[in-house]
């Protein structure tokens, strides 16, 4: 369904460290990193798409978080949801909802919500039963 998700950042070096930590916990591999043009992308091993991409806005204007926009990343377990949330906050992210069940979505939806260093809203979630 998705080709890629692009998250605009202004401070690429800091954003790269933040997202690389999440990608490692989510078992994603770095597909490319271009420090000259300041963008990078991750994928699941052996799968070309979808890509999670961070980078500067292509129009040259500052990247800004959108109201009502959120990127949700799939975790293989509830423990990984918790580890990603802890890593995000330790790296300077801001809590938007601690790890826990979200039964309003479905019985097994377990997620955590946070903002990255530039206030982009992210969710890491697992849809498997405990």
Foldseek 3Di string as FASTA:
>chain_A
DAQEDEAEDDPLVLVCVLVVVLCVLQQWDWPDADVVQRKTWTGHPPDNDDIYMYGHDPVPDGGAADVPDEAEAEHADLVSQQVSQVSQVVSPKAFPAHWDDDCVVPDQWTKGWIAHPRRHIYMYIYRDHD
